[in-house]
Protein backbone atom coordinates (compact mmCIF):
# COMPACT_ATOMS: atom_id res chain seq x y z
CA UNK A 1 0.95 -19.41 -4.64
CA UNK A 2 0.87 -18.81 -0.72
CA UNK A 3 2.92 -16.15 0.93
CA UNK A 4 4.48 -16.36 4.32
CA UNK A 5 4.65 -12.61 5.56
CA UNK A 6 7.64 -11.72 7.59
CA UNK A 7 6.84 -8.79 9.33
CA UNK A 8 9.37 -6.14 11.62
CA UNK A 9 7.77 -5.96 15.05
CA UNK A 10 6.03 -8.30 16.44
CA UNK A 11 2.07 -9.05 16.43
CA UNK A 12 1.43 -7.59 13.03
CA UNK A 13 0.56 -10.47 11.20
CA UNK A 14 -2.94 -12.39 12.05
CA UNK A 15 -2.83 -15.72 11.52
CA UNK A 16 -5.52 -17.95 11.39
CA UNK A 17 -8.46 -17.54 9.09
CA UNK A 18 -9.74 -13.74 7.64
CA UNK A 19 -10.72 -11.27 10.22
CA UNK A 20 -13.05 -9.26 7.60
CA UNK A 21 -13.92 -6.60 10.92
CA UNK A 22 -12.03 -3.41 11.00
CA UNK A 23 -11.53 -1.61 14.20
CA UNK A 24 -11.94 2.60 14.60
CA UNK A 25 -8.73 3.90 14.59
CA UNK A 26 -6.84 0.59 12.95
CA UNK A 27 -5.19 0.09 9.67
CA UNK A 28 -5.43 -3.60 7.93
CA UNK A 29 -2.83 -4.54 5.59
CA UNK A 30 -3.73 -6.83 3.40
CA UNK A 31 -1.00 -9.09 0.88
CA UNK A 32 -1.87 -11.76 -1.85
CA UNK A 33 -0.22 -13.30 -4.78
CA UNK A 34 -1.00 -12.16 -8.23
CA UNK A 35 -0.06 -15.65 -9.74
CA UNK A 36 -3.38 -17.40 -10.91
CA UNK A 37 -3.77 -19.62 -13.93
CA UNK A 38 -6.30 -19.40 -16.48
CA UNK A 39 -9.39 -20.59 -14.85
CA UNK A 40 -9.18 -18.51 -11.53
CA UNK A 41 -8.18 -15.56 -13.55
CA UNK A 42 -11.63 -15.45 -15.75
CA UNK A 43 -13.96 -15.70 -12.13
CA UNK A 44 -11.95 -13.04 -10.75
CA UNK A 45 -12.54 -11.04 -14.41
CA UNK A 46 -16.49 -11.33 -13.56
CA UNK A 47 -15.57 -8.98 -10.47
CA UNK A 48 -14.37 -6.59 -12.18
CA UNK A 49 -16.35 -3.44 -14.08
CA UNK A 50 -16.12 -3.04 -17.24
CA UNK A 51 -13.67 -0.46 -17.55
CA UNK A 52 -11.58 -2.27 -15.44
CA UNK A 53 -11.55 -5.04 -17.97
CA UNK A 54 -11.52 -2.87 -20.51
CA UNK A 55 -7.93 -0.92 -19.24
CA UNK A 56 -6.62 -5.10 -18.61
CA UNK A 57 -7.08 -5.27 -22.29
CA UNK A 58 -5.32 -2.61 -23.54
CA UNK A 59 -2.38 -4.02 -21.30
CA UNK A 60 0.03 -5.26 -24.16
CA UNK A 61 1.54 -8.51 -22.13
CA UNK A 62 -0.31 -11.23 -20.35
CA UNK A 63 1.37 -11.07 -17.35
CA UNK A 64 0.42 -7.13 -17.22
CA UNK A 65 -3.05 -8.07 -17.59
CA UNK A 66 -2.74 -11.14 -15.10
CA UNK A 67 -1.47 -9.18 -12.18
CA UNK A 68 -3.88 -6.13 -13.07
CA UNK A 69 -6.92 -8.72 -12.93
CA UNK A 70 -6.03 -10.15 -9.58
CA UNK A 71 -4.49 -6.74 -7.79
CA UNK A 72 -8.40 -5.52 -8.84
CA UNK A 73 -9.89 -8.75 -8.11
CA UNK A 74 -7.95 -8.89 -4.50
CA UNK A 75 -8.95 -5.08 -3.84
CA UNK A 76 -12.66 -5.87 -5.15
CA UNK A 77 -12.92 -9.16 -2.54
CA UNK A 78 -11.24 -7.17 0.54
CA UNK A 79 -13.31 -3.98 0.33
CA UNK A 80 -16.77 -6.60 -0.32
CA UNK A 81 -16.20 -8.68 2.70
CA UNK A 82 -15.17 -5.88 5.27
CA UNK A 83 -18.37 -4.18 3.69
CA UNK A 84 -20.54 -6.64 3.66
CA UNK A 85 -21.69 -6.22 -0.60
CA UNK A 86 -20.54 -8.12 -3.33
CA UNK A 87 -17.41 -7.02 -5.34
CA UNK A 88 -19.02 -6.32 -8.28
CA UNK A 89 -21.27 -3.99 -6.93
CA UNK A 90 -18.37 -1.66 -5.56
CA UNK A 91 -18.30 1.59 -7.51
CA UNK A 92 -14.80 3.87 -7.66
CA UNK A 93 -14.62 7.32 -7.96
CA UNK A 94 -11.10 8.82 -8.83
CA UNK A 95 -9.50 12.13 -7.46
CA UNK A 96 -8.04 14.55 -9.40
CA UNK A 97 -3.92 13.16 -9.06
CA UNK A 98 -6.25 9.97 -9.76
CA UNK A 99 -6.32 8.14 -6.24
CA UNK A 100 -9.47 5.72 -6.13
CA UNK A 101 -12.09 5.99 -3.58
CA UNK A 102 -15.03 4.36 -2.83
CA UNK A 103 -18.03 6.24 -4.81
CA UNK A 104 -20.61 5.28 -1.63
CA UNK A 105 -18.10 6.14 1.39
CA UNK A 106 -16.44 9.44 0.10
CA UNK A 107 -17.43 11.26 4.38
CA UNK A 108 -14.71 11.69 6.91
CA UNK A 109 -15.67 8.19 8.33
CA UNK A 110 -15.80 6.78 5.10
CA UNK A 111 -13.51 3.53 4.07
CA UNK A 112 -10.32 4.95 3.12
CA UNK A 113 -7.87 2.44 1.37
CA UNK A 114 -4.68 2.84 -0.54
CA UNK A 115 -3.27 -0.47 -3.26
CA UNK A 116 0.61 -1.26 -4.01
CA UNK A 117 1.90 -3.96 -6.41
CA UNK A 118 5.65 -5.26 -7.20
CA UNK A 119 6.05 -8.00 -9.05
CA UNK A 120 3.70 -11.07 -8.42
CA UNK A 121 2.25 -9.44 -4.80
CA UNK A 122 -0.11 -7.21 -4.18
CA UNK A 123 -0.25 -5.10 -1.01
CA UNK A 124 -3.92 -2.84 0.00
CA UNK A 125 -3.90 -0.90 3.51
CA UNK A 126 -7.41 0.00 4.92
CA UNK A 127 -9.02 2.14 7.65
CA UNK A 128 -11.95 4.01 8.58
CA UNK A 129 -11.26 7.70 8.41
CA UNK A 130 -8.04 7.82 8.23
CA UNK A 131 -6.26 8.60 4.86
CA UNK A 132 -3.61 6.13 3.67
CA UNK A 133 -0.82 5.49 1.90
CA UNK A 134 1.50 2.19 0.64
CA UNK A 135 3.99 1.37 -1.53
CA UNK A 136 5.73 -1.95 -2.82
CA UNK A 137 9.07 -2.30 -4.08
CA UNK A 138 10.66 -5.46 -4.89
CA UNK A 139 13.97 -5.37 -4.28
CA UNK A 140 16.18 -5.68 -7.49
CA UNK A 141 13.42 -4.85 -10.08
CA UNK A 142 14.91 -1.58 -10.61
CA UNK A 143 18.74 -0.27 -10.42
CA UNK A 144 18.29 2.88 -8.56
CA UNK A 145 21.17 5.54 -9.36
CA UNK A 146 21.88 9.02 -8.23
CA UNK A 147 20.36 10.16 -11.36
CA UNK A 148 17.35 8.86 -9.74
CA UNK A 149 17.55 9.82 -6.77
CA UNK A 150 18.25 13.21 -7.65
CA UNK A 151 14.86 13.64 -9.75
CA UNK A 152 12.74 12.23 -6.99
CA UNK A 153 14.08 13.45 -3.76
CA UNK A 154 15.00 16.87 -2.74
CA UNK A 155 17.97 18.13 -0.79
CA UNK A 156 17.13 17.46 2.58
CA UNK A 157 16.02 13.45 1.21
CA UNK A 158 19.74 13.58 -0.76
CA UNK A 159 21.93 14.84 2.10
CA UNK A 160 20.25 11.53 4.34
CA UNK A 161 20.82 9.47 1.70
CA UNK A 162 24.35 10.50 1.14
CA UNK A 163 24.88 9.71 4.67
CA UNK A 164 23.38 6.79 5.17
CA UNK A 165 24.26 4.56 1.64
CA UNK A 166 28.16 4.25 1.91
CA UNK A 167 27.72 0.37 2.16
CA UNK A 168 24.40 -0.44 0.39
CA UNK A 169 23.05 2.46 -1.63
CA UNK A 170 20.52 0.49 -3.18
CA UNK A 171 18.88 -0.83 0.52
CA UNK A 172 19.25 3.09 1.59
CA UNK A 173 17.37 4.65 -1.56
CA UNK A 174 14.54 1.47 -1.07
CA UNK A 175 13.57 2.46 2.06
CA UNK A 176 13.60 6.44 1.24
CA UNK A 177 11.54 5.76 -1.75
CA UNK A 178 9.03 3.45 0.07
CA UNK A 179 8.59 6.09 2.81
CA UNK A 180 8.43 9.08 0.12
CA UNK A 181 5.85 7.40 -2.29
CA UNK A 182 3.85 6.13 1.04
CA UNK A 183 3.57 9.49 2.13
CA UNK A 184 2.39 11.37 -0.94
CA UNK A 185 -0.08 8.48 -1.85
CA UNK A 186 -1.53 9.29 1.50
CA UNK A 187 -1.95 12.55 0.38
CA UNK A 188 -3.11 11.90 -2.89
CA UNK A 189 -0.52 11.96 -5.58
CA UNK A 190 2.91 10.58 -5.55
CA UNK A 191 6.30 10.58 -6.86
CA UNK A 192 5.43 10.98 -10.23
CA UNK A 193 3.62 14.01 -9.58
CA UNK A 194 6.65 15.84 -8.28
CA UNK A 195 5.18 17.10 -5.29
CA UNK A 196 7.08 18.73 -2.73
CA UNK A 197 5.35 19.41 0.96
CA UNK A 198 7.04 17.28 2.86
CA UNK A 199 10.13 15.80 3.49
CA UNK A 200 10.52 12.13 4.65
CA UNK A 201 13.43 11.10 7.01
CA UNK A 202 13.57 7.08 7.97
CA UNK A 203 14.80 6.56 11.12
CA UNK A 204 16.92 3.72 12.64
CA UNK A 205 13.43 2.21 14.52
CA UNK A 206 11.71 2.09 10.88
CA UNK A 207 9.69 4.79 11.62
CA UNK A 208 10.02 8.07 9.79
CA UNK A 209 9.98 11.78 10.38
CA UNK A 210 7.86 13.74 7.95
CA UNK A 211 9.02 17.62 7.59
CA UNK A 212 7.29 20.28 5.83
CA UNK A 213 9.00 21.27 2.46
CA UNK A 214 11.09 23.96 2.52
CA UNK A 215 10.14 25.28 6.15
CA UNK A 216 11.95 22.36 8.00
CA UNK A 217 8.80 22.03 10.20
CA UNK A 218 8.12 18.62 11.92
CA UNK A 219 4.88 17.15 11.11
CA UNK A 220 3.57 15.40 13.87
CA UNK A 221 0.29 14.36 12.38
CA UNK A 222 2.05 12.38 10.16
CA UNK A 223 3.05 8.65 10.64
CA UNK A 224 5.24 6.52 8.51
CA UNK A 225 6.85 3.56 8.78
CA UNK A 226 8.77 0.46 6.70
CA UNK A 227 7.45 -2.77 5.96
CA UNK A 228 9.20 -6.33 5.43
CA UNK A 229 6.28 -7.89 4.24
CA UNK A 230 8.38 -10.68 2.30
CA UNK A 231 11.85 -11.43 1.57
CA UNK A 232 13.00 -9.52 -0.98
CA UNK A 233 10.18 -6.95 -0.76
CA UNK A 234 10.49 -3.76 0.46
CA UNK A 235 7.40 -1.88 1.81
CA UNK A 236 6.25 1.24 3.79
CA UNK A 237 3.03 2.81 5.21
CA UNK A 238 1.75 6.22 5.69
CA UNK A 239 -0.90 8.45 7.43
CA UNK A 240 -2.09 11.27 8.83
CA UNK A 241 -2.34 10.56 12.89
CA UNK A 242 -5.79 12.05 13.83
CA UNK A 243 -5.93 10.51 17.75
CA UNK A 244 -2.38 12.10 19.80
CA UNK A 245 -0.48 8.76 19.60
CA UNK A 246 2.68 8.51 19.37
CA UNK A 247 4.96 6.77 17.29
CA UNK A 248 5.28 3.98 20.00
CA UNK A 249 1.79 2.62 19.76
CA UNK A 250 2.03 2.18 15.33
CA UNK A 251 2.60 -1.85 16.26
CA UNK A 252 -0.69 -2.11 18.12
CA UNK A 253 -2.82 -0.43 15.53
CA UNK A 254 -1.39 -2.30 12.41
CA UNK A 255 -1.94 -5.71 12.01
CA UNK A 256 -1.07 -7.12 8.72
CA UNK A 257 -3.36 -10.58 7.22
CA UNK A 258 -2.69 -12.99 4.10
CA UNK A 259 -5.29 -13.37 1.55
CA UNK A 260 -5.42 -17.02 0.15
CA UNK A 261 -7.14 -17.15 -3.18
CA UNK A 262 -7.46 -20.77 -2.97
CA UNK A 263 -9.54 -20.91 0.22
CA UNK A 264 -11.11 -17.61 0.10
CA UNK A 265 -12.50 -16.74 -3.41
CA UNK A 266 -15.49 -19.20 -3.36
CA UNK A 267 -17.47 -16.80 -1.15
CA UNK A 268 -17.45 -13.35 -1.55
CA UNK A 269 -19.23 -12.26 1.75
CA UNK A 270 -17.41 -14.40 4.41
CA UNK A 271 -18.87 -13.44 7.68
CA UNK A 272 -16.37 -12.15 10.36
């Protein structure tokens, strides 16, 4: 399964062979398919740790095992190529809330990343020294409801949803959900944690305002924006802004790359 990305905003998609180099202050978003035949899946499994293979076997359904293996193998391959290491040599550590990081790259300038997957598609955001959060959701995977909204969002966000869901509740819900999940994942938590540190308000340009909660003060150090990587999918990315750049510079800092298993799996340490 080859992916052809469609993104909001010109210039986000990098065409041609994979670009493994990553400059300071930039964020690379990778996109790949989780569909893989038995032979490819076995080769992918070879790059995983014993704990990852155990976690895969514990999943009840084969489709979930396949997606887990392909997601973790893709994560390892991309990180290894950026670092010039082998995928199987990477060691992960985990925060108290379960957010992974690279064991040997945890300093202030270390490689930061965040993985999300939905159905048969995975996305990975990575950057040097910038905590990033990413969320990917398939449209129609779950039917949102007001009951779900009231559990996930605070009063400020519910007010936004009330004002913007009159014509398409599912679309407005998914936009808000992905943006808030991306912000909380960058923080190191997630919607499931029940964190109430922020309110996220989507904007008409795809960029969102991030407010403190409950004080309502603008958090100018946070940036968040919606992405439309594929037909039928919605995504969002968020990070803390340390360089003083404005939201108008986002498209110059984010690039999207597709990973094709058929042509790029053979060499785990490609040269840039």
